[in-house]
Amino acid sequence: MLWDETIRQSVLERLSGYRYTHTLGVERAAIRLAERYGGDVQKSAVAACLHDITKRLSREEQLYLCEKYDIIPSDVEKNEWKMLHGKTAAGIAAHEYGAPRDVVDAIAYHTTGRAGMSLLDKIVYLADYIEENRVFDGVEQARQLAKEDIDKAMLYCFDSSLMELIERGKLIHADTLAARNDLLAQGVTWRVPVPVMG
């Protein structure tokens, strides 16, 4: 895909306020993660710039883009329609900006995750979670884990997100559960083992 500063600026011009600031933060975080873990820096930056390009849209606008780009929302996405912004942003990335499949997938799954996530998928998901403008309980631990082990950081993020969704009484996307289970099946853990007394 053709990606240069002019195109980058055209993407950023579609954003405003917090979403603009957040996107720049995600871009910086994605570049750092790509450099640390041997990912593709340019693809990480492109996906970061495009990941929230449809976030501000209404439910009706999200559903219109789903129809336009042949996206079939799951039952959870129909109820929790704000989740759709990952997939609709991926549609725009592919059709308007000619993004390659791996960048499109990283954008599509930056909210839910999925089983078998690529390094690029993980970079974009994690960058979105830990970028410098985020302020919430647990973000510092996520940032620290991101410096140590990307899979541990991912599992921590999934665990924290799931607990928050449960506390808020929200539906949980099957892809998020599959992503968490996939990491656990690989033996990933972020918790410090508690010594057994005996």
N, C-alpha and C. Protein backbone atom coordinates (compact mmCIF):
# COMPACT_ATOMS: atom_id res chain seq x y z
N MET A 1 0.84 -1.19 0.00
CA MET A 1 0.00 0.00 0.00
C MET A 1 0.88 1.24 0.00
N LEU A 2 0.37 2.29 -0.59
CA LEU A 2 1.07 3.56 -0.58
C LEU A 2 0.74 4.27 0.73
N TRP A 3 1.75 4.59 1.52
CA TRP A 3 1.52 5.28 2.80
C TRP A 3 2.63 6.31 2.97
N ASP A 4 2.22 7.56 3.04
CA ASP A 4 3.21 8.61 3.26
C ASP A 4 2.62 9.64 4.21
N GLU A 5 3.36 10.68 4.50
CA GLU A 5 2.91 11.66 5.48
C GLU A 5 1.63 12.37 5.03
N THR A 6 1.46 12.56 3.73
CA THR A 6 0.24 13.21 3.23
C THR A 6 -0.99 12.35 3.52
N ILE A 7 -0.88 11.05 3.27
CA ILE A 7 -2.00 10.14 3.54
C ILE A 7 -2.25 10.04 5.04
N ARG A 8 -1.16 9.96 5.81
CA ARG A 8 -1.29 9.91 7.27
C ARG A 8 -2.05 11.13 7.78
N GLN A 9 -1.70 12.30 7.28
CA GLN A 9 -2.38 13.52 7.70
C GLN A 9 -3.85 13.52 7.28
N SER A 10 -4.14 12.94 6.12
CA SER A 10 -5.54 12.88 5.67
C SER A 10 -6.37 12.00 6.60
N VAL A 11 -5.74 10.95 7.14
CA VAL A 11 -6.43 10.09 8.12
C VAL A 11 -6.64 10.87 9.41
N LEU A 12 -5.60 11.51 9.90
CA LEU A 12 -5.70 12.23 11.16
C LEU A 12 -6.69 13.39 11.10
N GLU A 13 -6.85 13.97 9.91
CA GLU A 13 -7.81 15.06 9.75
C GLU A 13 -9.26 14.60 9.93
N ARG A 14 -9.48 13.32 9.83
CA ARG A 14 -10.83 12.78 10.03
C ARG A 14 -11.16 12.60 11.51
N LEU A 15 -10.19 12.88 12.36
CA LEU A 15 -10.35 12.72 13.81
C LEU A 15 -10.33 14.08 14.48
N SER A 16 -10.85 14.15 15.70
CA SER A 16 -10.79 15.41 16.44
C SER A 16 -10.81 15.13 17.93
N GLY A 17 -10.43 16.13 18.70
CA GLY A 17 -10.48 16.06 20.15
C GLY A 17 -9.69 14.89 20.71
N TYR A 18 -10.31 14.21 21.68
CA TYR A 18 -9.62 13.10 22.34
C TYR A 18 -9.24 12.01 21.34
N ARG A 19 -10.10 11.74 20.36
CA ARG A 19 -9.82 10.65 19.42
C ARG A 19 -8.53 10.92 18.64
N TYR A 20 -8.29 12.17 18.31
CA TYR A 20 -7.05 12.56 17.61
C TYR A 20 -5.85 12.33 18.52
N THR A 21 -5.94 12.83 19.75
CA THR A 21 -4.84 12.68 20.72
C THR A 21 -4.58 11.21 21.01
N HIS A 22 -5.65 10.46 21.21
CA HIS A 22 -5.54 9.02 21.49
C HIS A 22 -4.87 8.30 20.33
N THR A 23 -5.27 8.61 19.11
CA THR A 23 -4.70 7.93 17.94
C THR A 23 -3.21 8.19 17.82
N LEU A 24 -2.78 9.41 18.06
CA LEU A 24 -1.33 9.70 18.04
C LEU A 24 -0.61 8.91 19.13
N GLY A 25 -1.25 8.79 20.29
CA GLY A 25 -0.66 7.99 21.38
C GLY A 25 -0.55 6.53 21.01
N VAL A 26 -1.58 6.00 20.35
CA VAL A 26 -1.56 4.60 19.92
C VAL A 26 -0.47 4.40 18.86
N GLU A 27 -0.35 5.36 17.95
CA GLU A 27 0.70 5.27 16.93
C GLU A 27 2.09 5.19 17.57
N ARG A 28 2.35 6.07 18.54
CA ARG A 28 3.66 6.06 19.22
C ARG A 28 3.89 4.75 19.96
N ALA A 29 2.86 4.28 20.66
CA ALA A 29 2.99 3.03 21.41
C ALA A 29 3.20 1.84 20.47
N ALA A 30 2.50 1.84 19.34
CA ALA A 30 2.63 0.74 18.38
C ALA A 30 4.03 0.71 17.78
N ILE A 31 4.58 1.86 17.49
CA ILE A 31 5.95 1.91 16.95
C ILE A 31 6.94 1.37 17.98
N ARG A 32 6.79 1.77 19.24
CA ARG A 32 7.69 1.27 20.29
C ARG A 32 7.58 -0.24 20.45
N LEU A 33 6.35 -0.75 20.45
CA LEU A 33 6.15 -2.20 20.58
C LEU A 33 6.72 -2.95 19.39
N ALA A 34 6.51 -2.42 18.19
CA ALA A 34 7.06 -3.07 16.99
C ALA A 34 8.58 -3.11 17.04
N GLU A 35 9.18 -2.03 17.47
CA GLU A 35 10.65 -2.00 17.59
C GLU A 35 11.13 -2.99 18.64
N ARG A 36 10.41 -3.08 19.74
CA ARG A 36 10.83 -3.97 20.83
C ARG A 36 10.69 -5.44 20.46
N TYR A 37 9.61 -5.79 19.76
CA TYR A 37 9.32 -7.21 19.52
C TYR A 37 9.57 -7.65 18.08
N GLY A 38 10.21 -6.82 17.29
CA GLY A 38 10.57 -7.22 15.93
C GLY A 38 9.41 -7.21 14.95
N GLY A 39 8.44 -6.34 15.19
CA GLY A 39 7.31 -6.23 14.27
C GLY A 39 7.60 -5.25 13.15
N ASP A 40 6.68 -5.17 12.21
CA ASP A 40 6.79 -4.24 11.10
C ASP A 40 6.36 -2.85 11.58
N VAL A 41 7.32 -1.94 11.68
CA VAL A 41 7.06 -0.62 12.24
C VAL A 41 6.05 0.16 11.40
N GLN A 42 6.21 0.14 10.07
CA GLN A 42 5.29 0.91 9.24
C GLN A 42 3.87 0.36 9.32
N LYS A 43 3.72 -0.95 9.22
CA LYS A 43 2.37 -1.53 9.30
C LYS A 43 1.74 -1.26 10.67
N SER A 44 2.54 -1.31 11.71
CA SER A 44 2.03 -1.03 13.06
C SER A 44 1.53 0.42 13.14
N ALA A 45 2.29 1.35 12.57
CA ALA A 45 1.90 2.76 12.58
C ALA A 45 0.65 3.00 11.75
N VAL A 46 0.57 2.36 10.58
CA VAL A 46 -0.60 2.50 9.71
C VAL A 46 -1.85 1.99 10.42
N ALA A 47 -1.77 0.80 10.97
CA ALA A 47 -2.93 0.22 11.67
C ALA A 47 -3.34 1.09 12.85
N ALA A 48 -2.36 1.62 13.57
CA ALA A 48 -2.66 2.49 14.71
C ALA A 48 -3.40 3.76 14.25
N CYS A 49 -2.95 4.36 13.17
CA CYS A 49 -3.59 5.58 12.67
C CYS A 49 -5.03 5.33 12.24
N LEU A 50 -5.30 4.16 11.70
CA LEU A 50 -6.62 3.86 11.15
C LEU A 50 -7.57 3.18 12.14
N HIS A 51 -7.08 2.73 13.29
CA HIS A 51 -7.85 1.80 14.12
C HIS A 51 -9.18 2.37 14.63
N ASP A 52 -9.25 3.67 14.88
CA ASP A 52 -10.47 4.27 15.44
C ASP A 52 -11.14 5.25 14.47
N ILE A 53 -10.88 5.11 13.19
CA ILE A 53 -11.35 6.11 12.23
C ILE A 53 -12.88 6.18 12.17
N THR A 54 -13.58 5.14 12.60
CA THR A 54 -15.06 5.16 12.60
C THR A 54 -15.64 5.19 14.01
N LYS A 55 -14.82 5.39 15.01
CA LYS A 55 -15.29 5.30 16.41
C LYS A 55 -16.41 6.28 16.73
N ARG A 56 -16.37 7.47 16.15
CA ARG A 56 -17.35 8.52 16.48
C ARG A 56 -18.71 8.30 15.81
N LEU A 57 -18.80 7.33 14.90
CA LEU A 57 -20.02 7.16 14.13
C LEU A 57 -21.16 6.60 14.96
N SER A 58 -22.37 6.92 14.55
CA SER A 58 -23.57 6.44 15.24
C SER A 58 -23.82 4.96 14.90
N ARG A 59 -24.77 4.37 15.61
CA ARG A 59 -25.15 2.98 15.34
C ARG A 59 -25.60 2.82 13.89
N GLU A 60 -26.40 3.76 13.43
CA GLU A 60 -26.92 3.69 12.06
C GLU A 60 -25.77 3.78 11.04
N GLU A 61 -24.82 4.65 11.30
CA GLU A 61 -23.68 4.80 10.39
C GLU A 61 -22.80 3.55 10.41
N GLN A 62 -22.64 2.96 11.60
CA GLN A 62 -21.86 1.72 11.69
C GLN A 62 -22.53 0.61 10.88
N LEU A 63 -23.84 0.50 11.03
CA LEU A 63 -24.57 -0.55 10.31
C LEU A 63 -24.56 -0.30 8.81
N TYR A 64 -24.60 0.97 8.41
CA TYR A 64 -24.50 1.30 6.98
C TYR A 64 -23.15 0.82 6.42
N LEU A 65 -22.06 1.07 7.16
CA LEU A 65 -20.74 0.62 6.71
C LEU A 65 -20.65 -0.91 6.69
N CYS A 66 -21.31 -1.55 7.64
CA CYS A 66 -21.34 -3.02 7.62
C CYS A 66 -21.97 -3.52 6.33
N GLU A 67 -23.08 -2.90 5.95
CA GLU A 67 -23.74 -3.30 4.71
C GLU A 67 -22.85 -2.99 3.50
N LYS A 68 -22.25 -1.82 3.50
CA LYS A 68 -21.40 -1.39 2.39
C LYS A 68 -20.21 -2.32 2.18
N TYR A 69 -19.61 -2.79 3.29
CA TYR A 69 -18.40 -3.60 3.20
C TYR A 69 -18.65 -5.09 3.46
N ASP A 70 -19.91 -5.51 3.38
CA ASP A 70 -20.28 -6.92 3.56
C ASP A 70 -19.80 -7.49 4.89
N ILE A 71 -19.94 -6.71 5.94
CA ILE A 71 -19.60 -7.15 7.30
C ILE A 71 -20.88 -7.67 7.94
N ILE A 72 -20.83 -8.88 8.46
CA ILE A 72 -22.00 -9.46 9.12
C ILE A 72 -21.79 -9.39 10.63
N PRO A 73 -22.48 -8.47 11.31
CA PRO A 73 -22.29 -8.33 12.76
C PRO A 73 -22.78 -9.57 13.51
N SER A 74 -22.05 -9.94 14.54
CA SER A 74 -22.50 -11.03 15.41
C SER A 74 -23.64 -10.51 16.28
N ASP A 75 -24.31 -11.42 16.99
CA ASP A 75 -25.40 -11.01 17.88
C ASP A 75 -24.88 -10.07 18.96
N VAL A 76 -23.68 -10.35 19.48
CA VAL A 76 -23.08 -9.49 20.51
C VAL A 76 -22.83 -8.10 19.93
N GLU A 77 -22.29 -8.04 18.72
CA GLU A 77 -21.99 -6.75 18.09
C GLU A 77 -23.26 -5.96 17.79
N LYS A 78 -24.35 -6.64 17.49
CA LYS A 78 -25.61 -5.94 17.26
C LYS A 78 -26.10 -5.27 18.54
N ASN A 79 -25.87 -5.94 19.68
CA ASN A 79 -26.28 -5.38 20.96
C ASN A 79 -25.28 -4.35 21.48
N GLU A 80 -24.01 -4.68 21.39
CA GLU A 80 -22.94 -3.78 21.82
C GLU A 80 -22.33 -3.16 20.56
N TRP A 81 -23.10 -2.30 19.91
CA TRP A 81 -22.76 -1.85 18.56
C TRP A 81 -21.46 -1.04 18.48
N LYS A 82 -21.01 -0.49 19.59
CA LYS A 82 -19.75 0.28 19.55
C LYS A 82 -18.57 -0.63 19.23
N MET A 83 -18.72 -1.93 19.45
CA MET A 83 -17.68 -2.88 19.06
C MET A 83 -17.45 -2.89 17.55
N LEU A 84 -18.46 -2.49 16.80
CA LEU A 84 -18.38 -2.56 15.34
C LEU A 84 -17.31 -1.64 14.76
N HIS A 85 -16.84 -0.66 15.52
CA HIS A 85 -15.91 0.30 14.94
C HIS A 85 -14.61 -0.35 14.48
N GLY A 86 -14.21 -1.46 15.10
CA GLY A 86 -13.01 -2.15 14.63
C GLY A 86 -13.20 -2.70 13.23
N LYS A 87 -14.33 -3.33 13.02
CA LYS A 87 -14.59 -3.95 11.72
C LYS A 87 -14.90 -2.92 10.64
N THR A 88 -15.62 -1.86 11.01
CA THR A 88 -15.91 -0.83 10.01
C THR A 88 -14.65 -0.03 9.67
N ALA A 89 -13.81 0.21 10.66
CA ALA A 89 -12.52 0.88 10.39
C ALA A 89 -11.66 0.00 9.48
N ALA A 90 -11.73 -1.31 9.70
CA ALA A 90 -10.98 -2.23 8.84
C ALA A 90 -11.50 -2.16 7.41
N GLY A 91 -12.83 -2.03 7.25
CA GLY A 91 -13.41 -1.89 5.92
C GLY A 91 -12.89 -0.65 5.20
N ILE A 92 -12.84 0.45 5.92
CA ILE A 92 -12.31 1.69 5.33
C ILE A 92 -10.83 1.55 5.02
N ALA A 93 -10.08 0.93 5.93
CA ALA A 93 -8.64 0.73 5.70
C ALA A 93 -8.40 -0.05 4.42
N ALA A 94 -9.21 -1.08 4.19
CA ALA A 94 -9.05 -1.91 3.00
C ALA A 94 -9.50 -1.19 1.74
N HIS A 95 -10.70 -0.61 1.78
CA HIS A 95 -11.32 -0.10 0.56
C HIS A 95 -10.92 1.32 0.20
N GLU A 96 -10.67 2.16 1.21
CA GLU A 96 -10.30 3.55 0.91
C GLU A 96 -8.80 3.76 0.88
N TYR A 97 -8.06 2.97 1.68
CA TYR A 97 -6.62 3.20 1.79
C TYR A 97 -5.78 2.05 1.24
N GLY A 98 -6.42 0.98 0.79
CA GLY A 98 -5.69 -0.13 0.18
C GLY A 98 -4.77 -0.85 1.15
N ALA A 99 -5.14 -0.90 2.42
CA ALA A 99 -4.31 -1.57 3.42
C ALA A 99 -4.24 -3.06 3.14
N PRO A 100 -3.08 -3.68 3.37
CA PRO A 100 -2.97 -5.13 3.18
C PRO A 100 -3.74 -5.91 4.23
N ARG A 101 -3.95 -7.19 3.97
CA ARG A 101 -4.79 -8.03 4.82
C ARG A 101 -4.36 -8.04 6.29
N ASP A 102 -3.05 -8.11 6.54
CA ASP A 102 -2.62 -8.19 7.94
C ASP A 102 -2.90 -6.90 8.70
N VAL A 103 -2.80 -5.77 8.03
CA VAL A 103 -3.14 -4.49 8.66
C VAL A 103 -4.65 -4.42 8.89
N VAL A 104 -5.43 -4.83 7.91
CA VAL A 104 -6.89 -4.84 8.02
C VAL A 104 -7.32 -5.72 9.20
N ASP A 105 -6.72 -6.90 9.32
CA ASP A 105 -7.08 -7.80 10.42
C ASP A 105 -6.72 -7.21 11.78
N ALA A 106 -5.55 -6.59 11.88
CA ALA A 106 -5.14 -5.98 13.15
C ALA A 106 -6.12 -4.90 13.58
N ILE A 107 -6.61 -4.14 12.62
CA ILE A 107 -7.61 -3.11 12.93
C ILE A 107 -8.93 -3.77 13.33
N ALA A 108 -9.35 -4.77 12.59
CA ALA A 108 -10.64 -5.43 12.84
C ALA A 108 -10.72 -6.03 14.24
N TYR A 109 -9.59 -6.54 14.75
CA TYR A 109 -9.61 -7.25 16.04
C TYR A 109 -8.98 -6.47 17.17
N HIS A 110 -8.81 -5.15 16.99
CA HIS A 110 -8.13 -4.38 18.05
C HIS A 110 -9.00 -4.18 19.28
N THR A 111 -10.29 -4.42 19.17
CA THR A 111 -11.19 -4.29 20.32
C THR A 111 -11.44 -5.61 21.02
N THR A 112 -11.61 -6.68 20.23
CA THR A 112 -11.98 -7.97 20.81
C THR A 112 -10.82 -8.93 20.98
N GLY A 113 -9.78 -8.79 20.14
CA GLY A 113 -8.77 -9.85 20.07
C GLY A 113 -9.37 -11.03 19.33
N ARG A 114 -8.58 -12.11 19.21
CA ARG A 114 -9.05 -13.35 18.59
C ARG A 114 -8.02 -14.43 18.87
N ALA A 115 -8.41 -15.68 18.70
CA ALA A 115 -7.45 -16.78 18.84
C ALA A 115 -6.43 -16.68 17.71
N GLY A 116 -5.19 -17.06 18.00
CA GLY A 116 -4.16 -17.08 16.97
C GLY A 116 -3.74 -15.71 16.50
N MET A 117 -3.73 -14.75 17.39
CA MET A 117 -3.37 -13.39 17.01
C MET A 117 -1.94 -13.32 16.48
N SER A 118 -1.76 -12.55 15.40
CA SER A 118 -0.43 -12.31 14.85
C SER A 118 0.28 -11.28 15.74
N LEU A 119 1.58 -11.13 15.51
CA LEU A 119 2.32 -10.11 16.24
C LEU A 119 1.73 -8.73 15.98
N LEU A 120 1.36 -8.45 14.74
CA LEU A 120 0.77 -7.15 14.42
C LEU A 120 -0.57 -6.96 15.15
N ASP A 121 -1.39 -8.00 15.20
CA ASP A 121 -2.65 -7.93 15.96
C ASP A 121 -2.38 -7.54 17.40
N LYS A 122 -1.40 -8.20 18.01
CA LYS A 122 -1.07 -7.95 19.42
C LYS A 122 -0.56 -6.54 19.63
N ILE A 123 0.28 -6.08 18.72
CA ILE A 123 0.85 -4.73 18.83
C ILE A 123 -0.25 -3.68 18.83
N VAL A 124 -1.20 -3.80 17.91
CA VAL A 124 -2.25 -2.79 17.81
C VAL A 124 -3.20 -2.87 19.01
N TYR A 125 -3.58 -4.08 19.40
CA TYR A 125 -4.44 -4.24 20.57
C TYR A 125 -3.79 -3.64 21.81
N LEU A 126 -2.55 -4.01 22.03
CA LEU A 126 -1.85 -3.57 23.24
C LEU A 126 -1.55 -2.07 23.21
N ALA A 127 -1.16 -1.56 22.06
CA ALA A 127 -0.89 -0.11 21.94
C ALA A 127 -2.15 0.69 22.27
N ASP A 128 -3.30 0.22 21.82
CA ASP A 128 -4.57 0.88 22.11
C ASP A 128 -4.84 0.89 23.61
N TYR A 129 -4.45 -0.17 24.29
CA TYR A 129 -4.72 -0.32 25.72
C TYR A 129 -3.79 0.54 26.57
N ILE A 130 -2.52 0.60 26.19
CA ILE A 130 -1.51 1.20 27.08
C ILE A 130 -1.05 2.60 26.67
N GLU A 131 -1.56 3.14 25.58
CA GLU A 131 -1.02 4.42 25.10
C GLU A 131 -1.05 5.47 26.22
N GLU A 132 -0.16 6.45 26.10
CA GLU A 132 0.17 7.37 27.19
C GLU A 132 -1.00 8.20 27.72
N ASN A 133 -2.07 8.35 26.95
CA ASN A 133 -3.20 9.16 27.40
C ASN A 133 -4.23 8.37 28.21
N ARG A 134 -4.05 7.07 28.28
CA ARG A 134 -4.98 6.24 29.04
C ARG A 134 -4.73 6.42 30.54
N VAL A 135 -5.82 6.60 31.29
CA VAL A 135 -5.73 6.72 32.74
C VAL A 135 -6.84 5.87 33.35
N PHE A 136 -6.48 4.71 33.88
CA PHE A 136 -7.45 3.86 34.57
C PHE A 136 -6.69 2.88 35.45
N ASP A 137 -7.37 2.30 36.41
CA ASP A 137 -6.74 1.33 37.31
C ASP A 137 -6.18 0.17 36.51
N GLY A 138 -4.91 -0.13 36.72
CA GLY A 138 -4.30 -1.28 36.07
C GLY A 138 -3.49 -0.95 34.83
N VAL A 139 -3.60 0.28 34.31
CA VAL A 139 -2.89 0.58 33.07
C VAL A 139 -1.37 0.57 33.27
N GLU A 140 -0.91 0.97 34.46
CA GLU A 140 0.53 0.97 34.71
C GLU A 140 1.08 -0.45 34.72
N GLN A 141 0.33 -1.38 35.29
CA GLN A 141 0.78 -2.78 35.26
C GLN A 141 0.82 -3.31 33.83
N ALA A 142 -0.18 -2.94 33.04
CA ALA A 142 -0.19 -3.35 31.63
C ALA A 142 1.02 -2.79 30.90
N ARG A 143 1.36 -1.53 31.17
CA ARG A 143 2.53 -0.91 30.53
C ARG A 143 3.81 -1.62 30.94
N GLN A 144 3.92 -1.97 32.22
CA GLN A 144 5.12 -2.67 32.68
C GLN A 144 5.24 -4.04 32.04
N LEU A 145 4.14 -4.78 31.99
CA LEU A 145 4.16 -6.10 31.36
C LEU A 145 4.49 -6.00 29.87
N ALA A 146 4.03 -4.93 29.23
CA ALA A 146 4.31 -4.74 27.81
C ALA A 146 5.80 -4.57 27.54
N LYS A 147 6.53 -4.09 28.52
CA LYS A 147 7.99 -3.95 28.38
C LYS A 147 8.70 -5.29 28.57
N GLU A 148 8.03 -6.23 29.24
CA GLU A 148 8.66 -7.50 29.60
C GLU A 148 8.31 -8.64 28.66
N ASP A 149 7.01 -8.77 28.33
CA ASP A 149 6.55 -9.93 27.56
C ASP A 149 5.19 -9.59 26.95
N ILE A 150 5.14 -9.57 25.64
CA ILE A 150 3.91 -9.12 24.98
C ILE A 150 2.73 -10.05 25.26
N ASP A 151 2.99 -11.36 25.36
CA ASP A 151 1.89 -12.29 25.62
C ASP A 151 1.36 -12.15 27.04
N LYS A 152 2.24 -11.96 28.01
CA LYS A 152 1.79 -11.72 29.38
C LYS A 152 0.95 -10.45 29.45
N ALA A 153 1.41 -9.42 28.76
CA ALA A 153 0.66 -8.16 28.74
C ALA A 153 -0.72 -8.36 28.10
N MET A 154 -0.77 -9.13 27.02
CA MET A 154 -2.06 -9.39 26.36
C MET A 154 -3.02 -10.10 27.30
N LEU A 155 -2.53 -11.13 27.98
CA LEU A 155 -3.39 -11.89 28.89
C LEU A 155 -3.89 -10.99 30.02
N TYR A 156 -3.00 -10.16 30.55
CA TYR A 156 -3.41 -9.22 31.60
C TYR A 156 -4.52 -8.31 31.08
N CYS A 157 -4.37 -7.79 29.88
CA CYS A 157 -5.39 -6.91 29.30
C CYS A 157 -6.72 -7.63 29.12
N PHE A 158 -6.67 -8.85 28.62
CA PHE A 158 -7.92 -9.62 28.47
C PHE A 158 -8.57 -9.85 29.83
N ASP A 159 -7.78 -10.27 30.81
CA ASP A 159 -8.33 -10.52 32.15
C ASP A 159 -8.98 -9.27 32.72
N SER A 160 -8.27 -8.15 32.61
CA SER A 160 -8.79 -6.89 33.16
C SER A 160 -10.05 -6.45 32.42
N SER A 161 -10.03 -6.56 31.10
CA SER A 161 -11.20 -6.16 30.31
C SER A 161 -12.41 -7.03 30.61
N LEU A 162 -12.18 -8.33 30.74
CA LEU A 162 -13.30 -9.23 31.04
C LEU A 162 -13.90 -8.92 32.41
N MET A 163 -13.06 -8.66 33.40
CA MET A 163 -13.58 -8.32 34.73
C MET A 163 -14.41 -7.04 34.67
N GLU A 164 -13.94 -6.06 33.92
CA GLU A 164 -14.69 -4.80 33.80
C GLU A 164 -16.03 -5.03 33.11
N LEU A 165 -16.02 -5.82 32.04
CA LEU A 165 -17.27 -6.10 31.33
C LEU A 165 -18.27 -6.83 32.22
N ILE A 166 -17.77 -7.77 33.00
CA ILE A 166 -18.65 -8.50 33.93
C ILE A 166 -19.23 -7.55 34.97
N GLU A 167 -18.38 -6.69 35.54
CA GLU A 167 -18.84 -5.73 36.55
C GLU A 167 -19.89 -4.78 35.98
N ARG A 168 -19.76 -4.43 34.70
CA ARG A 168 -20.70 -3.50 34.07
C ARG A 168 -21.92 -4.20 33.48
N GLY A 169 -21.96 -5.53 33.58
CA GLY A 169 -23.09 -6.28 33.06
C GLY A 169 -23.18 -6.30 31.55
N LYS A 170 -22.02 -6.25 30.89
CA LYS A 170 -21.97 -6.19 29.43
C LYS A 170 -21.85 -7.58 28.82
N LEU A 171 -22.29 -7.70 27.57
CA LEU A 171 -22.07 -8.93 26.82
C LEU A 171 -20.59 -9.08 26.51
N ILE A 172 -20.12 -10.31 26.39
CA ILE A 172 -18.71 -10.59 26.11
C ILE A 172 -18.62 -11.26 24.74
N HIS A 173 -17.73 -10.73 23.92
CA HIS A 173 -17.55 -11.26 22.57
C HIS A 173 -16.80 -12.59 22.62
N ALA A 174 -17.27 -13.55 21.84
CA ALA A 174 -16.65 -14.88 21.81
C ALA A 174 -15.17 -14.80 21.39
N ASP A 175 -14.82 -13.84 20.55
CA ASP A 175 -13.42 -13.71 20.12
C ASP A 175 -12.50 -13.37 21.29
N THR A 176 -13.00 -12.60 22.25
CA THR A 176 -12.18 -12.23 23.41
C THR A 176 -11.91 -13.46 24.28
N LEU A 177 -12.93 -14.25 24.49
CA LEU A 177 -12.75 -15.50 25.26
C LEU A 177 -11.80 -16.44 24.52
N ALA A 178 -11.94 -16.53 23.21
CA ALA A 178 -11.07 -17.41 22.42
C ALA A 178 -9.62 -16.93 22.48
N ALA A 179 -9.42 -15.61 22.45
CA ALA A 179 -8.06 -15.05 22.52
C ALA A 179 -7.42 -15.36 23.87
N ARG A 180 -8.19 -15.17 24.93
CA ARG A 180 -7.68 -15.46 26.28
C ARG A 180 -7.36 -16.95 26.43
N ASN A 181 -8.29 -17.80 26.01
CA ASN A 181 -8.08 -19.24 26.13
C ASN A 181 -6.87 -19.71 25.34
N ASP A 182 -6.65 -19.09 24.18
CA ASP A 182 -5.51 -19.43 23.33
C ASP A 182 -4.20 -19.16 24.07
N LEU A 183 -4.10 -18.01 24.73
CA LEU A 183 -2.89 -17.68 25.48
C LEU A 183 -2.70 -18.63 26.67
N LEU A 184 -3.79 -18.94 27.37
CA LEU A 184 -3.69 -19.87 28.50
C LEU A 184 -3.25 -21.25 28.03
N ALA A 185 -3.77 -21.68 26.88
CA ALA A 185 -3.40 -22.99 26.34
C ALA A 185 -1.91 -23.05 25.98
N GLN A 186 -1.33 -21.89 25.70
CA GLN A 186 0.11 -21.82 25.39
C GLN A 186 0.96 -21.73 26.66
N GLY A 187 0.30 -21.72 27.82
CA GLY A 187 1.04 -21.66 29.08
C GLY A 187 1.40 -20.26 29.54
N VAL A 188 0.78 -19.26 28.92
CA VAL A 188 1.06 -17.87 29.30
C VAL A 188 0.39 -17.56 30.64
N THR A 189 1.11 -16.87 31.51
CA THR A 189 0.53 -16.36 32.75
C THR A 189 1.22 -15.06 33.10
N TRP A 190 0.49 -14.16 33.73
CA TRP A 190 1.10 -12.89 34.17
C TRP A 190 1.15 -12.82 35.69
N ARG A 191 0.42 -13.70 36.35
CA ARG A 191 0.38 -13.67 37.82
C ARG A 191 1.65 -14.27 38.40
N VAL A 192 2.10 -13.71 39.50
CA VAL A 192 3.24 -14.26 40.21
C VAL A 192 2.74 -15.45 41.02
N PRO A 193 3.37 -16.64 40.85
CA PRO A 193 2.90 -17.80 41.59
C PRO A 193 3.01 -17.58 43.10
N VAL A 194 1.97 -18.01 43.80
CA VAL A 194 1.98 -17.89 45.27
C VAL A 194 2.60 -19.17 45.83
N PRO A 195 3.64 -19.04 46.67
CA PRO A 195 4.27 -20.24 47.23
C PRO A 195 3.29 -21.04 48.09
N VAL A 196 3.36 -22.34 47.95
CA VAL A 196 2.49 -23.22 48.72
C VAL A 196 3.13 -23.46 50.08
N MET A 197 2.40 -23.16 51.11
CA MET A 197 2.91 -23.39 52.49
C MET A 197 2.60 -24.82 52.89
N GLY A 198 3.57 -25.45 53.53
CA GLY A 198 3.29 -26.82 53.93
C GLY A 198 4.40 -27.47 54.67
